[in-house]
Each structure stands twice: as structure tokens, then as C-alpha cells.
Amino acid sequence: MKIHSIILLLASWLWFAASSSAFTPTPPPAGAVVRAVLFYLPTCPHCHKVITEDLPPLFEKYRGQLEMIGVDISQPGGQALYQAAIQRFSIPDERLGVPTLTWET
């Protein structure tokens, strides 16, 4: 799966997880590694919450099975990658925003 697919899928999952108290992530298959990309803005309070509160328990629970990089979309390169993901997956305007998380197993 290409990096753009990874980014978009993980972003969608995290957005849903952050906005739904009833969401319980499906654990990856035994031995699988989920590689994730988080699009964020340093000034976004929702991003801050996800990074400081929502992700640490997932890293703890899935030690070694979750690898993640962050992409700051306030930077030109980060914005370009975010725009590429939006185009690749035809994300409608009403679904745009950060935090955005995509992944690949």
C-alpha cells in the first residue's frame, strides 16, 4: 500500500476514534505492524489532545505493533503530502481537517 493510502486510512481512523467515545479499535493481527501517519497542526487543540491523550495508551497497548510519524501540515512539505492524500482518496470538503490519521498493516 502506498504512503498516501497509509496516511489517509490512519487519519480517518484517528479522527473517528477521537470523536467517538464508544469506538474500540480492532487490534492488528498477531505479529502485524501498523504503520501510521498523523497529519496535524501544532496550534490545533484537537491534535494536541490526540497526541498527548489518545495515542499514548494505544502505543502502550500495541507495543511494537504500532509505528507512527507525524506530519506538520503548517510546513510546505507537510501541506503538499496532505493535499496529495486528499486528492488520492477524493476526500470531500466537509471531511477535511486535522487531526487526520492513516495506516497500513
C-alpha atoms as a PDB file:
ATOM      1  CA  MET A   1       0.000   0.000   0.000  1.00  0.00           C
ATOM      2  CA  LYS A   2       1.379   3.432  -0.883  1.00  0.00           C
ATOM      3  CA  ILE A   3       2.213   6.028   1.748  1.00  0.00           C
ATOM      4  CA  HIS A   4      -0.762   8.141   0.670  1.00  0.00           C
ATOM      5  CA  SER A   5      -3.106   5.240   1.413  1.00  0.00           C
ATOM      6  CA  ILE A   6      -1.460   4.739   4.756  1.00  0.00           C
ATOM      7  CA  ILE A   7      -1.851   8.377   5.652  1.00  0.00           C
ATOM      8  CA  LEU A   8      -5.486   8.664   4.728  1.00  0.00           C
ATOM      9  CA  LEU A   9      -6.639   5.443   6.352  1.00  0.00           C
ATOM     10  CA  LEU A  10      -4.913   6.116   9.647  1.00  0.00           C
ATOM     11  CA  ALA A  11      -6.109   9.697   9.686  1.00  0.00           C
ATOM     12  CA  SER A  12      -9.700   8.624   9.204  1.00  0.00           C
ATOM     13  CA  TRP A  13      -9.402   6.070  11.969  1.00  0.00           C
ATOM     14  CA  LEU A  14      -7.927   8.529  14.449  1.00  0.00           C
ATOM     15  CA  TRP A  15     -10.464  11.225  13.647  1.00  0.00           C
ATOM     16  CA  PHE A  16     -13.237   8.732  14.325  1.00  0.00           C
ATOM     17  CA  ALA A  17     -11.524   7.458  17.470  1.00  0.00           C
ATOM     18  CA  ALA A  18     -11.059  10.974  18.803  1.00  0.00           C
ATOM     19  CA  SER A  19     -14.674  11.907  18.137  1.00  0.00           C
ATOM     20  CA  SER A  20     -16.371   8.731  19.357  1.00  0.00           C
ATOM     21  CA  SER A  21     -16.231   7.657  22.987  1.00  0.00           C
ATOM     22  CA  ALA A  22     -17.765   4.298  22.006  1.00  0.00           C
ATOM     23  CA  PHE A  23     -15.039   3.482  19.480  1.00  0.00           C
ATOM     24  CA  THR A  24     -12.861   0.484  20.258  1.00  0.00           C
ATOM     25  CA  PRO A  25     -10.081  -0.086  17.718  1.00  0.00           C
ATOM     26  CA  THR A  26      -9.747  -3.542  16.248  1.00  0.00           C
ATOM     27  CA  PRO A  27      -6.344  -4.877  17.230  1.00  0.00           C
ATOM     28  CA  PRO A  28      -3.954  -5.732  14.431  1.00  0.00           C
ATOM     29  CA  PRO A  29      -3.487  -9.423  13.610  1.00  0.00           C
ATOM     30  CA  ALA A  30      -0.849 -11.169  15.725  1.00  0.00           C
ATOM     31  CA  GLY A  31       2.608 -10.139  14.557  1.00  0.00           C
ATOM     32  CA  ALA A  32       1.318  -7.439  12.199  1.00  0.00           C
ATOM     33  CA  VAL A  33       2.736  -3.942  12.413  1.00  0.00           C
ATOM     34  CA  VAL A  34       0.528  -0.942  11.777  1.00  0.00           C
ATOM     35  CA  ARG A  35       2.479   1.899  10.184  1.00  0.00           C
ATOM     36  CA  ALA A  36       0.699   5.188  10.616  1.00  0.00           C
ATOM     37  CA  VAL A  37       0.957   8.826   9.625  1.00  0.00           C
ATOM     38  CA  LEU A  38      -0.683  11.573  11.639  1.00  0.00           C
ATOM     39  CA  PHE A  39      -1.349  14.896   9.899  1.00  0.00           C
ATOM     40  CA  TYR A  40      -1.547  17.644  12.496  1.00  0.00           C
ATOM     41  CA  LEU A  41      -1.208  21.367  13.174  1.00  0.00           C
ATOM     42  CA  PRO A  42       0.895  22.444  16.168  1.00  0.00           C
ATOM     43  CA  THR A  43      -1.773  25.004  17.160  1.00  0.00           C
ATOM     44  CA  CYS A  44      -4.764  22.630  16.915  1.00  0.00           C
ATOM     45  CA  PRO A  45      -6.258  21.707  20.314  1.00  0.00           C
ATOM     46  CA  HIS A  46      -7.824  18.535  18.869  1.00  0.00           C
ATOM     47  CA  CYS A  47      -4.423  17.450  17.523  1.00  0.00           C
ATOM     48  CA  HIS A  48      -2.834  18.177  20.888  1.00  0.00           C
ATOM     49  CA  LYS A  49      -5.429  16.003  22.644  1.00  0.00           C
ATOM     50  CA  VAL A  50      -4.937  13.117  20.230  1.00  0.00           C
ATOM     51  CA  ILE A  51      -1.141  13.314  20.513  1.00  0.00           C
ATOM     52  CA  THR A  52      -0.997  13.685  24.300  1.00  0.00           C
ATOM     53  CA  GLU A  53      -4.042  11.695  25.472  1.00  0.00           C
ATOM     54  CA  ASP A  54      -5.393   9.317  22.814  1.00  0.00           C
ATOM     55  CA  LEU A  55      -2.234   7.936  21.217  1.00  0.00           C
ATOM     56  CA  PRO A  56      -0.074   7.101  24.264  1.00  0.00           C
ATOM     57  CA  PRO A  57      -2.444   4.359  25.521  1.00  0.00           C
ATOM     58  CA  LEU A  58      -2.514   2.842  22.019  1.00  0.00           C
ATOM     59  CA  PHE A  59       1.285   2.816  21.877  1.00  0.00           C
ATOM     60  CA  GLU A  60       1.347   1.180  25.298  1.00  0.00           C
ATOM     61  CA  LYS A  61      -1.284  -1.415  24.397  1.00  0.00           C
ATOM     62  CA  TYR A  62       0.190  -2.319  20.995  1.00  0.00           C
ATOM     63  CA  ARG A  63       3.909  -2.129  21.783  1.00  0.00           C
ATOM     64  CA  GLY A  64       5.946  -2.960  18.726  1.00  0.00           C
ATOM     65  CA  GLN A  65       2.824  -3.273  16.580  1.00  0.00           C
ATOM     66  CA  LEU A  66       2.268   0.454  16.050  1.00  0.00           C
ATOM     67  CA  GLU A  67       4.757   2.753  14.326  1.00  0.00           C
ATOM     68  CA  MET A  68       3.802   6.357  13.638  1.00  0.00           C
ATOM     69  CA  ILE A  69       5.229   9.515  12.144  1.00  0.00           C
ATOM     70  CA  GLY A  70       3.739  12.974  12.415  1.00  0.00           C
ATOM     71  CA  VAL A  71       3.376  15.375   9.510  1.00  0.00           C
ATOM     72  CA  ASP A  72       3.017  19.050  10.408  1.00  0.00           C
ATOM     73  CA  ILE A  73       0.762  20.478   7.706  1.00  0.00           C
ATOM     74  CA  SER A  74       1.786  24.040   8.558  1.00  0.00           C
ATOM     75  CA  GLN A  75       5.059  23.249   6.767  1.00  0.00           C
ATOM     76  CA  PRO A  76       5.184  23.305   2.939  1.00  0.00           C
ATOM     77  CA  GLY A  77       6.208  19.647   2.619  1.00  0.00           C
ATOM     78  CA  GLY A  78       3.581  18.520   5.102  1.00  0.00           C
ATOM     79  CA  GLN A  79       0.883  20.522   3.355  1.00  0.00           C
ATOM     80  CA  ALA A  80       1.891  19.019  -0.003  1.00  0.00           C
ATOM     81  CA  LEU A  81       1.652  15.471   1.385  1.00  0.00           C
ATOM     82  CA  TYR A  82      -1.704  16.227   2.999  1.00  0.00           C
ATOM     83  CA  GLN A  83      -3.056  17.671  -0.262  1.00  0.00           C
ATOM     84  CA  ALA A  84      -1.828  14.592  -2.140  1.00  0.00           C
ATOM     85  CA  ALA A  85      -3.715  12.339   0.285  1.00  0.00           C
ATOM     86  CA  ILE A  86      -6.867  14.443  -0.103  1.00  0.00           C
ATOM     87  CA  GLN A  87      -6.686  14.175  -3.886  1.00  0.00           C
ATOM     88  CA  ARG A  88      -5.763  10.493  -3.969  1.00  0.00           C
ATOM     89  CA  PHE A  89      -8.736   9.499  -1.845  1.00  0.00           C
ATOM     90  CA  SER A  90     -11.201  12.145  -3.089  1.00  0.00           C
ATOM     91  CA  ILE A  91     -11.886  13.427   0.415  1.00  0.00           C
ATOM     92  CA  PRO A  92     -14.906  15.771   0.329  1.00  0.00           C
ATOM     93  CA  ASP A  93     -14.541  19.267   1.752  1.00  0.00           C
ATOM     94  CA  GLU A  94     -16.803  18.514   4.703  1.00  0.00           C
ATOM     95  CA  ARG A  95     -14.420  15.718   5.829  1.00  0.00           C
ATOM     96  CA  LEU A  96     -11.210  17.781   5.651  1.00  0.00           C
ATOM     97  CA  GLY A  97      -9.331  18.777   8.768  1.00  0.00           C
ATOM     98  CA  VAL A  98      -6.844  17.702  11.354  1.00  0.00           C
ATOM     99  CA  PRO A  99      -6.025  15.544  13.106  1.00  0.00           C
ATOM    100  CA  THR A 100      -6.005  13.131  10.204  1.00  0.00           C
ATOM    101  CA  LEU A 101      -4.607   9.655  10.655  1.00  0.00           C
ATOM    102  CA  THR A 102      -3.888   6.925   8.101  1.00  0.00           C
ATOM    103  CA  TRP A 103      -2.327   3.482   8.461  1.00  0.00           C
ATOM    104  CA  GLU A 104      -1.247   0.259   6.839  1.00  0.00           C
ATOM    105  CA  THR A 105      -0.887  -3.201   8.311  1.00  0.00           C
END
